[in-house]
Amino acid sequence: MPKLEIQLNLPNQLTLLRILLTPVFVALLLSTSPLCLQASLVVFIIAALTDLYDGWIARKMGYTTRWGKFLDPLADKVLSSAALLAFVWLGLVGGWMVWIVIVRDFVITGLRSYAEYLDKPIVTTRGAQAKTFGQFVIIYYILFLYVGRSVPPVYEKFGSTIDTLMHPQVLFGMMLTVMLSTVGTGVAYLFDNRKVIGELYERLRPARG
């Protein structure tokens, strides 16, 4: 069984920073202070940028590690899941849709991480990449509009537009689309990688017995 050694090079430090920034983002977003709400957007953008930057450094400097491949997708799911759960708490999106998305994401991420740990990487499909992109689009969409409400000059000028774009039916339709694509790509993911999954299952059987 391969060992998963913790290697805290710069890309992995940035990945850990993304995880550490997640609770800060949530605390600021759930605050009633307009200044904190606006700061939550800044923190989220910084956290999201660490994902782009750590990947770029890892590829350019040759810092790609098994630990990084394990931690990076997990950090992405922690950040996106925290944002979606915060939206549920704020009454912006339906909890049942969000939980379906979160369960699917962590099941697939756990599967990918374990496969990477065993040196049997699972290929990320284009559909899954498109799903992740769409998921972050709706997060940014809701976050920008919700924070925009807390900025008086912005809301005074664009308030009616913001309210229209954040109408419950609009957000429901967007979240439903994300949920359906999440379920669909999850099923496709499992089917396309069924051989690797079968091998992982065979490895786990002795441990279960």
Protein backbone atom coordinates (compact mmCIF):
# COMPACT_ATOMS: atom_id res chain seq x y z
CA MET A 1 0.00 0.00 0.00
CA PRO A 2 1.58 3.37 -1.00
CA LYS A 3 2.19 5.96 1.67
CA LEU A 4 0.57 9.38 1.50
CA GLU A 5 3.35 11.65 2.73
CA ILE A 6 2.39 15.19 3.70
CA GLN A 7 4.50 17.59 1.64
CA LEU A 8 3.94 21.27 2.43
CA ASN A 9 5.44 22.89 -0.64
CA LEU A 10 4.04 26.22 -1.85
CA PRO A 11 1.13 24.80 -3.90
CA ASN A 12 0.03 22.61 -1.00
CA GLN A 13 0.31 25.55 1.39
CA LEU A 14 -2.00 27.53 -0.89
CA THR A 15 -4.43 24.61 -0.93
CA LEU A 16 -4.44 24.52 2.87
CA LEU A 17 -4.95 28.28 2.89
CA ARG A 18 -8.08 27.78 0.78
CA ILE A 19 -9.47 25.40 3.40
CA LEU A 20 -8.59 27.78 6.25
CA LEU A 21 -10.23 30.70 4.47
CA THR A 22 -13.50 28.79 4.05
CA PRO A 23 -14.83 29.23 7.63
CA VAL A 24 -13.72 32.88 7.53
CA PHE A 25 -15.74 33.38 4.35
CA VAL A 26 -18.83 31.71 5.84
CA ALA A 27 -18.65 33.71 9.08
CA LEU A 28 -18.42 36.96 7.15
CA LEU A 29 -21.21 36.01 4.75
CA LEU A 30 -23.61 35.13 7.57
CA SER A 31 -22.89 38.35 9.39
CA THR A 32 -25.49 41.13 9.47
CA SER A 33 -22.81 43.76 8.96
CA PRO A 34 -22.69 45.18 5.39
CA LEU A 35 -18.93 45.57 5.70
CA CYS A 36 -18.54 41.91 6.65
CA LEU A 37 -20.74 40.86 3.74
CA GLN A 38 -18.56 42.80 1.35
CA ALA A 39 -15.43 41.33 2.94
CA SER A 40 -16.85 37.82 2.42
CA LEU A 41 -16.79 38.37 -1.33
CA VAL A 42 -13.15 39.43 -1.18
CA VAL A 43 -12.23 36.40 0.93
CA PHE A 44 -14.05 34.03 -1.43
CA ILE A 45 -12.28 35.48 -4.47
CA ILE A 46 -8.90 35.16 -2.73
CA ALA A 47 -9.68 31.56 -1.78
CA ALA A 48 -10.75 30.75 -5.34
CA LEU A 49 -7.61 32.37 -6.76
CA THR A 50 -5.41 30.11 -4.65
CA ASP A 51 -6.85 27.21 -6.68
CA LEU A 52 -5.64 28.75 -9.94
CA TYR A 53 -2.31 29.82 -8.51
CA ASP A 54 -1.39 26.57 -6.77
CA GLY A 55 -2.12 24.59 -9.92
CA TRP A 56 -0.03 26.93 -12.03
CA ILE A 57 2.92 26.76 -9.63
CA ALA A 58 2.69 22.98 -9.33
CA ARG A 59 2.82 22.54 -13.12
CA LYS A 60 5.44 25.20 -13.81
CA MET A 61 7.79 24.32 -10.96
CA GLY A 62 7.23 20.58 -11.01
CA TYR A 63 5.79 20.56 -7.51
CA THR A 64 3.05 18.05 -8.28
CA THR A 65 2.75 15.57 -5.40
CA ARG A 66 0.39 12.76 -4.46
CA TRP A 67 -0.59 14.73 -1.36
CA GLY A 68 -1.42 17.74 -3.52
CA LYS A 69 -3.53 15.64 -5.87
CA PHE A 70 -5.41 14.32 -2.84
CA LEU A 71 -5.90 17.65 -1.08
CA ASP A 72 -6.60 20.05 -3.97
CA PRO A 73 -9.97 18.65 -5.14
CA LEU A 74 -11.01 18.22 -1.51
CA ALA A 75 -10.30 21.90 -0.82
CA ASP A 76 -12.39 22.88 -3.85
CA LYS A 77 -15.36 20.88 -2.59
CA VAL A 78 -15.01 22.25 0.94
CA LEU A 79 -15.13 25.82 -0.40
CA SER A 80 -18.01 25.31 -2.84
CA SER A 81 -20.03 23.20 -0.40
CA ALA A 82 -19.61 25.77 2.36
CA ALA A 83 -20.85 28.52 0.04
CA LEU A 84 -23.91 26.51 -1.01
CA LEU A 85 -24.76 25.61 2.60
CA ALA A 86 -24.46 29.27 3.55
CA PHE A 87 -26.94 30.11 0.79
CA VAL A 88 -29.31 27.50 2.24
CA TRP A 89 -28.97 29.09 5.69
CA LEU A 90 -29.78 32.47 4.15
CA GLY A 91 -32.87 31.02 2.48
CA LEU A 92 -31.61 31.64 -1.05
CA VAL A 93 -31.62 28.07 -2.39
CA GLY A 94 -33.29 24.79 -1.48
CA GLY A 95 -31.46 22.58 0.98
CA TRP A 96 -32.48 19.29 -0.64
CA MET A 97 -30.83 20.24 -3.94
CA VAL A 98 -27.69 21.43 -2.22
CA TRP A 99 -27.34 18.22 -0.19
CA ILE A 100 -27.65 16.11 -3.34
CA VAL A 101 -24.86 18.15 -4.93
CA ILE A 102 -22.65 17.92 -1.83
CA VAL A 103 -23.08 14.18 -1.34
CA ARG A 104 -22.33 13.49 -4.98
CA ASP A 105 -19.27 15.76 -4.96
CA PHE A 106 -17.73 14.23 -1.85
CA VAL A 107 -18.41 10.67 -2.98
CA ILE A 108 -16.71 11.28 -6.33
CA THR A 109 -13.91 13.32 -4.75
CA GLY A 110 -13.29 10.60 -2.17
CA LEU A 111 -13.22 8.01 -4.92
CA ARG A 112 -10.78 10.05 -6.98
CA SER A 113 -8.54 10.72 -3.99
CA TYR A 114 -8.40 7.06 -3.01
CA ALA A 115 -7.69 6.04 -6.61
CA GLU A 116 -4.87 8.62 -6.74
CA TYR A 117 -3.53 7.25 -3.47
CA LEU A 118 -3.34 3.80 -5.09
CA ASP A 119 -1.68 5.20 -8.23
CA LYS A 120 -4.79 4.45 -10.28
CA PRO A 121 -5.95 7.95 -11.22
CA ILE A 122 -9.52 8.42 -12.42
CA VAL A 123 -9.88 10.60 -15.50
CA THR A 124 -11.99 13.74 -15.03
CA THR A 125 -14.59 13.92 -17.80
CA ARG A 126 -15.41 17.09 -19.70
CA GLY A 127 -18.94 16.85 -18.41
CA ALA A 128 -17.66 16.86 -14.82
CA GLN A 129 -15.45 19.85 -15.57
CA ALA A 130 -18.41 21.69 -17.08
CA LYS A 131 -20.49 20.83 -14.02
CA THR A 132 -17.85 22.26 -11.68
CA PHE A 133 -17.64 25.41 -13.80
CA GLY A 134 -21.42 25.80 -13.72
CA GLN A 135 -21.47 25.25 -9.97
CA PHE A 136 -19.00 28.07 -9.37
CA VAL A 137 -20.87 30.30 -11.83
CA ILE A 138 -24.03 30.08 -9.75
CA ILE A 139 -22.05 30.62 -6.55
CA TYR A 140 -20.49 33.79 -7.94
CA TYR A 141 -23.86 34.84 -9.37
CA ILE A 142 -25.63 34.61 -6.01
CA LEU A 143 -22.69 35.96 -4.04
CA PHE A 144 -22.20 39.08 -6.15
CA LEU A 145 -25.91 39.91 -6.16
CA TYR A 146 -26.39 39.19 -2.46
CA VAL A 147 -23.39 41.31 -1.50
CA GLY A 148 -24.50 43.99 -3.99
CA ARG A 149 -27.64 44.45 -1.90
CA SER A 150 -25.46 45.55 1.01
CA VAL A 151 -23.84 48.38 -0.95
CA PRO A 152 -26.26 51.36 -0.80
CA PRO A 153 -25.08 53.14 -3.99
CA VAL A 154 -25.27 49.87 -5.94
CA TYR A 155 -28.68 48.90 -4.61
CA GLU A 156 -30.11 52.38 -5.11
CA LYS A 157 -29.15 52.26 -8.77
CA PHE A 158 -29.63 48.57 -9.61
CA GLY A 159 -31.95 47.39 -6.83
CA SER A 160 -34.84 46.37 -9.08
CA THR A 161 -32.50 44.47 -11.40
CA ILE A 162 -30.83 42.70 -8.49
CA ASP A 163 -34.20 41.73 -7.02
CA THR A 164 -35.31 40.35 -10.39
CA LEU A 165 -32.12 38.36 -10.87
CA MET A 166 -32.44 36.98 -7.35
CA HIS A 167 -36.10 36.06 -7.65
CA PRO A 168 -36.68 32.69 -5.92
CA GLN A 169 -37.86 31.07 -9.17
CA VAL A 170 -34.70 32.20 -10.97
CA LEU A 171 -32.44 30.81 -8.25
CA PHE A 172 -34.50 27.61 -8.08
CA GLY A 173 -34.11 27.04 -11.81
CA MET A 174 -30.38 27.66 -11.72
CA MET A 175 -29.84 25.40 -8.72
CA LEU A 176 -32.03 22.69 -10.22
CA THR A 177 -29.93 22.77 -13.40
CA VAL A 178 -26.73 22.42 -11.35
CA MET A 179 -28.21 19.56 -9.34
CA LEU A 180 -29.38 17.63 -12.41
CA SER A 181 -26.03 18.07 -14.14
CA THR A 182 -24.28 16.99 -10.93
CA VAL A 183 -26.30 13.78 -10.73
CA GLY A 184 -25.89 13.10 -14.45
CA THR A 185 -22.13 13.59 -14.49
CA GLY A 186 -21.82 11.55 -11.30
CA VAL A 187 -23.52 8.57 -12.94
CA ALA A 188 -21.39 9.03 -16.07
CA TYR A 189 -18.27 9.27 -13.90
CA LEU A 190 -18.99 5.96 -12.22
CA PHE A 191 -19.80 4.26 -15.54
CA ASP A 192 -16.75 5.56 -17.41
CA ASN A 193 -14.42 4.51 -14.60
CA ARG A 194 -16.14 1.25 -13.68
CA LYS A 195 -12.97 -0.80 -14.23
CA VAL A 196 -10.92 1.33 -11.86
CA ILE A 197 -13.78 1.33 -9.36
CA GLY A 198 -13.93 -2.45 -9.58
CA GLU A 199 -10.21 -2.67 -8.82
CA LEU A 200 -10.63 -0.34 -5.84
CA TYR A 201 -13.49 -2.46 -4.57
CA GLU A 202 -11.37 -5.60 -4.79
CA ARG A 203 -8.63 -3.90 -2.79
CA LEU A 204 -11.10 -2.90 -0.11
CA ARG A 205 -12.72 -6.31 0.24
CA PRO A 206 -9.99 -7.87 2.47
CA ALA A 207 -10.13 -4.85 4.76
CA ARG A 208 -13.89 -5.25 5.05
CA GLY A 209 -13.62 -8.91 5.74
